[in-house]
């Protein structure tokens, strides 16, 4: 089941705002109480990654270097299931064969921290890092991007908006 962001509506002469934004009322990513990130290594088996994600009901796993713990990319569990069904990967293959790698050269990444406003997070989900496309999730880090603190998804944002009165 795919979660979609609400439509934008014009509010006076101000920029376009989301129909959820009135529910955020200054809230930040920390208010979502995102679960801790669950990481795996590129050399881990796909079956291990699937089991780990299934045990905690996660849709995305971060992939970190075994040596430096540097963030290398992520593993989308729905996409991984598609790759398995199409026979493009096998459960015995390494995570590196199915992961999405972060391209570091020549790209500016949007830093999402616990202090990032939910309006800014929603904008990130809508337009991606540089407006190139929508994103399913955000890796929440500290300001210096040294530590992965959690993962926030569009579904987390939707649940937060549903729990708060308009």
Protein backbone atom coordinates (compact mmCIF):
# COMPACT_ATOMS: atom_id res chain seq x y z
CA UNK A 1 0.00 0.00 0.00
CA UNK A 2 1.49 3.29 -1.09
CA UNK A 3 1.04 6.42 0.97
CA UNK A 4 0.67 9.67 -0.91
CA UNK A 5 1.16 13.19 0.29
CA UNK A 6 -1.84 15.52 0.44
CA UNK A 7 -2.49 18.00 -2.32
CA UNK A 8 -1.31 21.57 -2.13
CA UNK A 9 -3.76 24.43 -1.74
CA UNK A 10 -3.22 28.16 -2.17
CA UNK A 11 -3.39 30.12 1.06
CA UNK A 12 -3.87 33.82 0.27
CA UNK A 13 -0.91 35.02 -1.77
CA UNK A 14 1.57 32.88 0.14
CA UNK A 15 3.44 29.94 -1.38
CA UNK A 16 1.64 26.65 -1.87
CA UNK A 17 1.02 24.83 1.43
CA UNK A 18 -0.04 21.29 2.20
CA UNK A 19 -3.46 20.39 3.56
CA UNK A 20 -1.55 18.68 6.41
CA UNK A 21 0.59 21.68 7.30
CA UNK A 22 -1.98 23.20 9.66
CA UNK A 23 -1.63 20.10 11.81
CA UNK A 24 2.14 20.38 12.18
CA UNK A 25 2.04 23.58 14.26
CA UNK A 26 5.80 23.92 14.59
CA UNK A 27 6.44 20.22 15.10
CA UNK A 28 9.79 18.73 14.13
CA UNK A 29 11.04 15.31 13.07
CA UNK A 30 11.69 14.56 16.73
CA UNK A 31 7.91 14.78 17.34
CA UNK A 32 7.43 11.88 14.90
CA UNK A 33 9.48 9.77 17.31
CA UNK A 34 11.12 7.95 14.42
CA UNK A 35 12.36 4.46 15.15
CA UNK A 36 16.09 3.92 15.31
CA UNK A 37 17.65 3.16 11.99
CA UNK A 38 18.31 -0.47 11.35
CA UNK A 39 21.50 -0.98 9.39
CA UNK A 40 23.09 -3.84 7.55
CA UNK A 41 26.43 -4.26 5.79
CA UNK A 42 26.91 -4.67 2.04
CA UNK A 43 28.31 -8.15 2.66
CA UNK A 44 25.25 -9.36 4.62
CA UNK A 45 22.97 -11.79 2.82
CA UNK A 46 19.68 -10.58 1.41
CA UNK A 47 17.89 -13.22 3.52
CA UNK A 48 19.43 -11.73 6.68
CA UNK A 49 18.30 -8.22 5.64
CA UNK A 50 14.77 -9.44 4.90
CA UNK A 51 14.50 -11.25 8.22
CA UNK A 52 15.83 -8.25 10.12
CA UNK A 53 13.40 -5.87 8.40
CA UNK A 54 10.48 -8.28 8.86
CA UNK A 55 11.15 -8.69 12.60
CA UNK A 56 10.80 -4.95 13.15
CA UNK A 57 8.28 -4.19 10.39
CA UNK A 58 10.72 -1.83 8.60
CA UNK A 59 10.36 -0.86 4.96
CA UNK A 60 13.88 0.55 4.57
CA UNK A 61 17.27 -0.43 5.97
CA UNK A 62 20.34 1.75 5.86
CA UNK A 63 23.50 0.14 4.50
CA UNK A 64 26.71 1.09 6.28
CA UNK A 65 30.36 0.23 5.82
CA UNK A 66 31.44 -2.61 8.07
CA UNK A 67 34.77 -0.88 8.73
CA UNK A 68 33.91 2.81 9.09
CA UNK A 69 30.14 2.69 9.72
CA UNK A 70 29.81 5.30 6.94
CA UNK A 71 26.41 5.48 5.31
CA UNK A 72 26.71 3.90 1.85
CA UNK A 73 23.10 3.63 0.76
CA UNK A 74 19.84 1.94 1.60
CA UNK A 75 17.79 -1.15 0.93
CA UNK A 76 14.11 -0.70 0.07
CA UNK A 77 12.32 -3.86 1.18
CA UNK A 78 9.39 -3.44 -1.27
CA UNK A 79 11.87 -3.01 -4.14
CA UNK A 80 13.92 -5.96 -2.86
CA UNK A 81 10.81 -8.16 -2.97
CA UNK A 82 10.25 -7.11 -6.59
CA UNK A 83 13.86 -7.97 -7.48
CA UNK A 84 13.46 -11.39 -5.84
CA UNK A 85 10.17 -12.08 -7.66
CA UNK A 86 11.76 -11.08 -10.99
CA UNK A 87 14.72 -13.37 -10.31
CA UNK A 88 17.23 -10.51 -10.51
CA UNK A 89 18.63 -11.34 -7.07
CA UNK A 90 18.59 -14.38 -4.83
CA UNK A 91 18.23 -14.55 -1.05
CA UNK A 92 21.79 -15.86 -0.83
CA UNK A 93 23.21 -12.83 -2.69
CA UNK A 94 24.90 -10.02 -0.80
CA UNK A 95 22.98 -6.85 0.06
CA UNK A 96 25.42 -4.92 -2.16
CA UNK A 97 23.76 -6.48 -5.21
CA UNK A 98 20.34 -5.01 -4.36
CA UNK A 99 21.09 -1.83 -2.43
CA UNK A 100 20.66 1.71 -3.72
CA UNK A 101 23.98 3.50 -3.36
CA UNK A 102 24.19 7.16 -2.43
CA UNK A 103 25.97 9.13 -5.12
CA UNK A 104 28.27 11.46 -3.25
CA UNK A 105 30.14 13.17 -6.07
CA UNK A 106 28.60 16.38 -7.34
CA UNK A 107 25.39 16.05 -5.32
CA UNK A 108 24.15 18.15 -2.46
CA UNK A 109 22.17 16.18 0.08
CA UNK A 110 19.45 17.65 2.23
CA UNK A 111 20.37 17.09 5.85
CA UNK A 112 17.35 15.92 7.85
CA UNK A 113 17.88 16.16 11.62
CA UNK A 114 15.62 15.78 14.63
CA UNK A 115 15.20 19.58 14.52
CA UNK A 116 13.97 19.69 10.91
CA UNK A 117 10.42 21.05 10.72
CA UNK A 118 7.70 18.73 9.44
CA UNK A 119 6.85 21.25 6.71
CA UNK A 120 10.46 20.98 5.50
CA UNK A 121 10.31 17.17 5.77
CA UNK A 122 7.13 17.08 3.68
CA UNK A 123 8.79 19.30 1.08
CA UNK A 124 11.70 16.84 1.02
CA UNK A 125 9.29 13.94 0.44
CA UNK A 126 7.55 15.88 -2.35
CA UNK A 127 10.54 17.09 -4.29
CA UNK A 128 13.44 15.08 -3.10
CA UNK A 129 16.86 16.45 -2.35
CA UNK A 130 17.02 18.95 -5.17
CA UNK A 131 13.47 18.84 -6.46
CA UNK A 132 14.38 16.01 -8.82
CA UNK A 133 11.72 13.64 -7.57
CA UNK A 134 9.70 12.41 -4.61
CA UNK A 135 11.31 10.43 -1.80
CA UNK A 136 9.80 7.55 0.21
CA UNK A 137 11.86 8.05 3.32
CA UNK A 138 14.45 10.26 4.97
CA UNK A 139 17.56 9.21 6.84
CA UNK A 140 17.62 11.28 10.03
CA UNK A 141 21.14 12.22 11.11
CA UNK A 142 22.89 14.59 13.44
CA UNK A 143 23.76 18.03 12.04
CA UNK A 144 27.24 16.92 10.97
CA UNK A 145 25.86 13.75 9.28
CA UNK A 146 28.16 11.54 11.34
CA UNK A 147 25.48 9.44 13.02
CA UNK A 148 22.30 7.91 11.64
CA UNK A 149 19.63 8.49 14.28
CA UNK A 150 16.59 7.07 12.56
CA UNK A 151 14.45 6.84 9.46
CA UNK A 152 11.27 8.83 8.81
CA UNK A 153 8.75 7.81 6.16
CA UNK A 154 5.78 9.41 4.44
CA UNK A 155 3.60 7.00 6.45
CA UNK A 156 5.07 8.39 9.70
CA UNK A 157 4.15 11.90 8.59
CA UNK A 158 0.64 10.80 7.62
CA UNK A 159 0.08 9.10 11.01
CA UNK A 160 1.27 12.22 12.83
CA UNK A 161 -1.15 14.40 10.83
CA UNK A 162 -4.04 12.01 11.50
CA UNK A 163 -3.42 12.07 15.26
CA UNK A 164 -3.49 15.87 15.47
CA UNK A 165 -6.72 17.82 15.17
CA UNK A 166 -6.97 20.33 12.32
